[in-house]
């Protein structure tokens, strides 16, 4: 059996707000820890039938990046959902939602920024 590990290091400021996020994985081709501005990690608890989540982002993460980050997570989760369930109809619905989400987000950014 093969064991793989993922390590996540978070540097916090005195108020416990993330300053930096770095991660590495034993099976990664990257030799050094990778920098990230945000992360979302979820675990399924089968006994409670609930998702336990850790969502963190650094002070460097801009609002426009957060919108793109959520769009990409939603969009790629539809592929994962399809592989796991073979439910193409719901996977497509998730993709369509994520496409609508990013269009609305980008439009709101334009309105807010006056551009």
N, C-alpha and C. Protein backbone atom coordinates (compact mmCIF):
# COMPACT_ATOMS: atom_id res chain seq x y z
N UNK A 1 0.84 -1.17 0.00
CA UNK A 1 0.00 0.00 0.00
C UNK A 1 0.89 1.24 0.00
N UNK A 2 0.48 2.27 -0.71
CA UNK A 2 1.25 3.52 -0.83
C UNK A 2 0.63 4.60 0.06
N UNK A 3 1.46 5.30 0.80
CA UNK A 3 0.98 6.39 1.64
C UNK A 3 1.38 7.71 1.01
N UNK A 4 0.44 8.64 0.96
CA UNK A 4 0.68 9.98 0.44
C UNK A 4 0.27 10.99 1.50
N UNK A 5 1.04 12.06 1.63
CA UNK A 5 0.75 13.08 2.63
C UNK A 5 0.69 14.46 2.00
N UNK A 6 -0.19 15.28 2.52
CA UNK A 6 -0.30 16.68 2.14
C UNK A 6 -0.07 17.49 3.41
N UNK A 7 0.83 18.45 3.33
CA UNK A 7 1.15 19.30 4.47
C UNK A 7 0.75 20.73 4.15
N UNK A 8 0.09 21.39 5.10
CA UNK A 8 -0.35 22.77 4.92
C UNK A 8 0.19 23.58 6.10
N UNK A 9 0.91 24.65 5.79
CA UNK A 9 1.45 25.53 6.82
C UNK A 9 0.81 26.90 6.69
N UNK A 10 0.25 27.39 7.78
CA UNK A 10 -0.42 28.69 7.82
C UNK A 10 0.34 29.58 8.79
N UNK A 11 0.76 30.75 8.32
CA UNK A 11 1.38 31.75 9.18
C UNK A 11 0.30 32.75 9.54
N UNK A 12 0.04 32.92 10.84
CA UNK A 12 -1.04 33.80 11.32
C UNK A 12 -0.46 35.08 11.92
N UNK A 13 -1.20 36.18 11.76
CA UNK A 13 -0.82 37.41 12.44
C UNK A 13 -1.30 37.34 13.89
N UNK A 14 -1.03 38.36 14.71
CA UNK A 14 -1.46 38.31 16.12
C UNK A 14 -2.97 38.15 16.32
N UNK A 15 -3.77 38.57 15.32
CA UNK A 15 -5.22 38.42 15.40
C UNK A 15 -5.71 37.11 14.80
N UNK A 16 -4.77 36.23 14.49
CA UNK A 16 -5.04 34.91 13.91
C UNK A 16 -5.64 34.98 12.51
N UNK A 17 -5.28 36.03 11.77
CA UNK A 17 -5.66 36.16 10.37
C UNK A 17 -4.49 35.62 9.54
N UNK A 18 -4.77 34.75 8.56
CA UNK A 18 -3.67 34.17 7.79
C UNK A 18 -2.83 35.23 7.05
N UNK A 19 -1.52 35.16 7.25
CA UNK A 19 -0.56 36.00 6.53
C UNK A 19 -0.08 35.27 5.29
N UNK A 20 0.14 33.96 5.44
CA UNK A 20 0.59 33.17 4.29
C UNK A 20 0.11 31.73 4.44
N UNK A 21 -0.04 31.09 3.28
CA UNK A 21 -0.44 29.68 3.21
C UNK A 21 0.55 29.00 2.27
N UNK A 22 1.16 27.94 2.73
CA UNK A 22 2.06 27.13 1.90
C UNK A 22 1.66 25.67 2.06
N UNK A 23 1.78 24.92 0.98
CA UNK A 23 1.43 23.50 1.03
C UNK A 23 2.41 22.70 0.19
N UNK A 24 2.52 21.44 0.53
CA UNK A 24 3.27 20.52 -0.31
C UNK A 24 2.67 19.12 -0.16
N UNK A 25 2.96 18.30 -1.14
CA UNK A 25 2.43 16.94 -1.15
C UNK A 25 3.56 15.98 -1.49
N UNK A 26 3.55 14.83 -0.86
CA UNK A 26 4.62 13.87 -1.09
C UNK A 26 4.64 13.36 -2.54
N UNK A 27 3.50 13.33 -3.20
CA UNK A 27 3.45 12.84 -4.58
C UNK A 27 3.51 13.95 -5.62
N UNK A 28 3.80 15.17 -5.17
CA UNK A 28 3.87 16.31 -6.09
C UNK A 28 5.22 16.31 -6.81
N UNK A 29 5.22 16.85 -8.02
CA UNK A 29 6.48 17.00 -8.75
C UNK A 29 7.22 18.26 -8.30
N UNK A 30 6.55 19.14 -7.57
CA UNK A 30 7.18 20.36 -7.08
C UNK A 30 8.14 20.01 -5.94
N UNK A 31 9.32 20.59 -6.00
CA UNK A 31 10.33 20.29 -4.97
C UNK A 31 10.14 21.14 -3.72
N UNK A 32 9.56 22.35 -3.88
CA UNK A 32 9.39 23.26 -2.75
C UNK A 32 7.91 23.41 -2.42
N UNK A 33 7.64 23.88 -1.21
CA UNK A 33 6.26 24.16 -0.82
C UNK A 33 5.68 25.22 -1.75
N UNK A 34 4.41 25.07 -2.08
CA UNK A 34 3.73 25.97 -2.99
C UNK A 34 2.96 27.03 -2.19
N UNK A 35 3.00 28.27 -2.68
CA UNK A 35 2.29 29.36 -2.03
C UNK A 35 0.85 29.39 -2.53
N UNK A 36 -0.06 29.73 -1.64
CA UNK A 36 -1.47 29.90 -2.00
C UNK A 36 -2.00 31.13 -1.27
N UNK A 37 -2.99 31.78 -1.87
CA UNK A 37 -3.65 32.91 -1.21
C UNK A 37 -4.92 32.48 -0.50
N UNK A 38 -5.44 31.32 -0.87
CA UNK A 38 -6.68 30.84 -0.27
C UNK A 38 -6.73 29.32 -0.35
N UNK A 39 -7.55 28.74 0.51
CA UNK A 39 -7.75 27.30 0.48
C UNK A 39 -9.13 26.96 1.03
N UNK A 40 -9.68 25.91 0.52
CA UNK A 40 -10.93 25.34 1.04
C UNK A 40 -10.71 23.84 1.12
N UNK A 41 -10.88 23.31 2.29
CA UNK A 41 -10.66 21.89 2.52
C UNK A 41 -11.90 21.33 3.21
N UNK A 42 -12.38 20.21 2.71
CA UNK A 42 -13.59 19.61 3.29
C UNK A 42 -13.36 18.13 3.56
N UNK A 43 -13.87 17.67 4.67
CA UNK A 43 -13.85 16.26 5.04
C UNK A 43 -15.28 15.81 5.30
N UNK A 44 -15.60 14.59 4.91
CA UNK A 44 -16.92 14.04 5.16
C UNK A 44 -16.87 13.20 6.43
N UNK A 45 -17.74 13.52 7.37
CA UNK A 45 -17.86 12.76 8.61
C UNK A 45 -19.02 11.78 8.43
N UNK A 46 -18.72 10.51 8.21
CA UNK A 46 -19.79 9.55 7.94
C UNK A 46 -20.72 9.29 9.12
N UNK A 47 -20.22 9.43 10.34
CA UNK A 47 -21.10 9.16 11.48
C UNK A 47 -22.11 10.28 11.68
N UNK A 48 -21.69 11.53 11.51
CA UNK A 48 -22.61 12.66 11.65
C UNK A 48 -23.26 13.05 10.33
N UNK A 49 -22.74 12.49 9.23
CA UNK A 49 -23.21 12.83 7.88
C UNK A 49 -23.17 14.34 7.65
N UNK A 50 -22.00 14.92 7.97
CA UNK A 50 -21.79 16.36 7.79
C UNK A 50 -20.42 16.59 7.17
N UNK A 51 -20.32 17.71 6.50
CA UNK A 51 -19.03 18.13 5.96
C UNK A 51 -18.35 19.04 6.97
N UNK A 52 -17.11 18.72 7.25
CA UNK A 52 -16.29 19.58 8.11
C UNK A 52 -15.35 20.33 7.18
N UNK A 53 -15.33 21.66 7.31
CA UNK A 53 -14.59 22.48 6.34
C UNK A 53 -13.61 23.42 7.03
N UNK A 54 -12.55 23.69 6.29
CA UNK A 54 -11.60 24.72 6.68
C UNK A 54 -11.47 25.64 5.47
N UNK A 55 -11.89 26.88 5.62
CA UNK A 55 -11.80 27.88 4.56
C UNK A 55 -10.93 29.01 5.08
N UNK A 56 -9.81 29.25 4.43
CA UNK A 56 -8.89 30.30 4.83
C UNK A 56 -8.44 31.10 3.62
N UNK A 57 -8.19 32.38 3.83
CA UNK A 57 -7.59 33.21 2.78
C UNK A 57 -6.72 34.26 3.44
N UNK A 58 -5.69 34.64 2.72
CA UNK A 58 -4.73 35.61 3.26
C UNK A 58 -5.22 37.03 3.00
N UNK A 59 -4.54 37.97 3.64
CA UNK A 59 -4.85 39.38 3.44
C UNK A 59 -4.58 39.81 2.01
N UNK A 60 -3.73 39.08 1.30
CA UNK A 60 -3.37 39.39 -0.09
C UNK A 60 -4.47 39.03 -1.08
N UNK A 61 -5.40 38.18 -0.68
CA UNK A 61 -6.44 37.69 -1.60
C UNK A 61 -7.40 38.83 -1.92
N UNK A 62 -7.46 39.19 -3.19
CA UNK A 62 -8.33 40.27 -3.64
C UNK A 62 -9.73 39.71 -3.93
N UNK A 63 -10.72 40.58 -3.88
CA UNK A 63 -12.11 40.18 -4.09
C UNK A 63 -12.28 39.55 -5.47
N UNK A 64 -11.66 40.13 -6.51
CA UNK A 64 -11.80 39.55 -7.85
C UNK A 64 -11.19 38.15 -7.91
N UNK A 65 -10.10 37.94 -7.19
CA UNK A 65 -9.50 36.60 -7.14
C UNK A 65 -10.41 35.62 -6.40
N UNK A 66 -11.09 36.09 -5.36
CA UNK A 66 -12.00 35.23 -4.60
C UNK A 66 -13.14 34.76 -5.50
N UNK A 67 -13.68 35.67 -6.32
CA UNK A 67 -14.75 35.28 -7.23
C UNK A 67 -14.29 34.23 -8.22
N UNK A 68 -13.10 34.42 -8.78
CA UNK A 68 -12.56 33.44 -9.73
C UNK A 68 -12.27 32.11 -9.04
N UNK A 69 -11.77 32.19 -7.80
CA UNK A 69 -11.48 30.99 -7.02
C UNK A 69 -12.75 30.17 -6.80
N UNK A 70 -13.82 30.84 -6.39
CA UNK A 70 -15.08 30.13 -6.17
C UNK A 70 -15.64 29.57 -7.48
N UNK A 71 -15.55 30.34 -8.54
CA UNK A 71 -16.02 29.86 -9.84
C UNK A 71 -15.28 28.57 -10.21
N UNK A 72 -13.96 28.60 -10.11
CA UNK A 72 -13.19 27.42 -10.50
C UNK A 72 -13.48 26.22 -9.59
N UNK A 73 -13.67 26.47 -8.30
CA UNK A 73 -14.03 25.36 -7.41
C UNK A 73 -15.38 24.77 -7.79
N UNK A 74 -16.38 25.64 -7.99
CA UNK A 74 -17.71 25.15 -8.35
C UNK A 74 -17.68 24.38 -9.67
N UNK A 75 -16.99 24.94 -10.66
CA UNK A 75 -16.94 24.33 -11.99
C UNK A 75 -16.26 22.96 -11.93
N UNK A 76 -15.12 22.88 -11.27
CA UNK A 76 -14.40 21.60 -11.22
C UNK A 76 -15.06 20.60 -10.28
N UNK A 77 -15.81 21.08 -9.28
CA UNK A 77 -16.55 20.15 -8.43
C UNK A 77 -17.62 19.42 -9.24
N UNK A 78 -18.12 20.04 -10.29
CA UNK A 78 -19.11 19.35 -11.12
C UNK A 78 -18.48 18.15 -11.83
N UNK A 79 -17.21 18.28 -12.23
CA UNK A 79 -16.51 17.14 -12.83
C UNK A 79 -16.31 16.02 -11.80
N UNK A 80 -15.95 16.40 -10.60
CA UNK A 80 -15.77 15.42 -9.53
C UNK A 80 -17.10 14.73 -9.22
N UNK A 81 -18.16 15.51 -9.15
CA UNK A 81 -19.50 14.97 -8.89
C UNK A 81 -19.87 13.96 -9.98
N UNK A 82 -19.59 14.30 -11.24
CA UNK A 82 -19.90 13.40 -12.35
C UNK A 82 -19.12 12.09 -12.23
N UNK A 83 -17.83 12.19 -11.95
CA UNK A 83 -17.02 10.97 -11.80
C UNK A 83 -17.51 10.10 -10.65
N UNK A 84 -17.95 10.75 -9.56
CA UNK A 84 -18.36 10.00 -8.37
C UNK A 84 -19.76 9.40 -8.48
N UNK A 85 -20.66 10.10 -9.19
CA UNK A 85 -22.07 9.67 -9.21
C UNK A 85 -22.57 9.22 -10.57
N UNK A 86 -21.86 9.60 -11.62
CA UNK A 86 -22.29 9.33 -13.01
C UNK A 86 -23.59 10.06 -13.36
N UNK A 87 -23.96 11.07 -12.57
CA UNK A 87 -25.18 11.83 -12.82
C UNK A 87 -24.85 13.05 -13.68
N UNK A 88 -24.92 12.84 -15.00
CA UNK A 88 -24.55 13.88 -15.95
C UNK A 88 -25.49 15.09 -15.90
N UNK A 89 -26.76 14.83 -15.64
CA UNK A 89 -27.73 15.92 -15.62
C UNK A 89 -27.42 16.92 -14.48
N UNK A 90 -27.18 16.40 -13.29
CA UNK A 90 -26.87 17.29 -12.17
C UNK A 90 -25.49 17.92 -12.31
N UNK A 91 -24.54 17.20 -12.88
CA UNK A 91 -23.21 17.77 -13.11
C UNK A 91 -23.30 18.94 -14.07
N UNK A 92 -24.11 18.80 -15.12
CA UNK A 92 -24.30 19.90 -16.06
C UNK A 92 -25.00 21.08 -15.39
N UNK A 93 -25.97 20.79 -14.53
CA UNK A 93 -26.65 21.86 -13.79
C UNK A 93 -25.65 22.64 -12.92
N UNK A 94 -24.72 21.92 -12.29
CA UNK A 94 -23.69 22.58 -11.49
C UNK A 94 -22.79 23.45 -12.36
N UNK A 95 -22.41 22.96 -13.54
CA UNK A 95 -21.58 23.76 -14.46
C UNK A 95 -22.33 25.00 -14.91
N UNK A 96 -23.59 24.84 -15.24
CA UNK A 96 -24.39 25.98 -15.67
C UNK A 96 -24.51 27.02 -14.55
N UNK A 97 -24.71 26.54 -13.32
CA UNK A 97 -24.77 27.45 -12.19
C UNK A 97 -23.45 28.21 -12.05
N UNK A 98 -22.34 27.51 -12.14
CA UNK A 98 -21.04 28.16 -11.96
C UNK A 98 -20.78 29.18 -13.07
N UNK A 99 -21.22 28.91 -14.28
CA UNK A 99 -21.08 29.87 -15.38
C UNK A 99 -21.91 31.13 -15.10
N UNK A 100 -23.15 30.92 -14.64
CA UNK A 100 -23.99 32.07 -14.28
C UNK A 100 -23.41 32.84 -13.10
N UNK A 101 -22.85 32.13 -12.14
CA UNK A 101 -22.23 32.75 -10.97
C UNK A 101 -21.12 33.71 -11.39
N UNK A 102 -20.21 33.23 -12.25
CA UNK A 102 -19.06 34.08 -12.60
C UNK A 102 -19.50 35.26 -13.46
N UNK A 103 -20.49 35.09 -14.29
CA UNK A 103 -21.00 36.21 -15.09
C UNK A 103 -21.58 37.29 -14.18
N UNK A 104 -22.39 36.88 -13.21
CA UNK A 104 -22.97 37.84 -12.26
C UNK A 104 -21.90 38.49 -11.39
N UNK A 105 -20.92 37.70 -10.97
CA UNK A 105 -19.84 38.25 -10.15
C UNK A 105 -19.06 39.30 -10.92
N UNK A 106 -18.69 38.98 -12.15
CA UNK A 106 -17.91 39.93 -12.96
C UNK A 106 -18.71 41.20 -13.24
N UNK A 107 -20.01 41.04 -13.50
CA UNK A 107 -20.86 42.22 -13.74
C UNK A 107 -20.93 43.08 -12.49
N UNK A 108 -21.04 42.46 -11.32
CA UNK A 108 -21.09 43.21 -10.07
C UNK A 108 -19.76 43.93 -9.83
N UNK A 109 -18.65 43.31 -10.18
CA UNK A 109 -17.35 43.95 -10.03
C UNK A 109 -17.25 45.19 -10.91
N UNK A 110 -17.74 45.10 -12.11
CA UNK A 110 -17.71 46.24 -13.03
C UNK A 110 -18.56 47.37 -12.46
N UNK A 111 -19.75 47.04 -11.96
CA UNK A 111 -20.64 48.05 -11.38
C UNK A 111 -20.00 48.69 -10.16
N UNK A 112 -19.44 47.89 -9.28
CA UNK A 112 -18.84 48.40 -8.04
C UNK A 112 -17.60 49.26 -8.32
N UNK A 113 -16.83 48.87 -9.32
CA UNK A 113 -15.59 49.57 -9.62
C UNK A 113 -15.77 50.72 -10.60
N UNK A 114 -16.99 50.86 -11.11
CA UNK A 114 -17.29 51.96 -12.01
C UNK A 114 -16.59 51.89 -13.35
N UNK A 115 -16.16 50.69 -13.72
CA UNK A 115 -15.45 50.55 -15.00
C UNK A 115 -16.37 50.02 -16.07
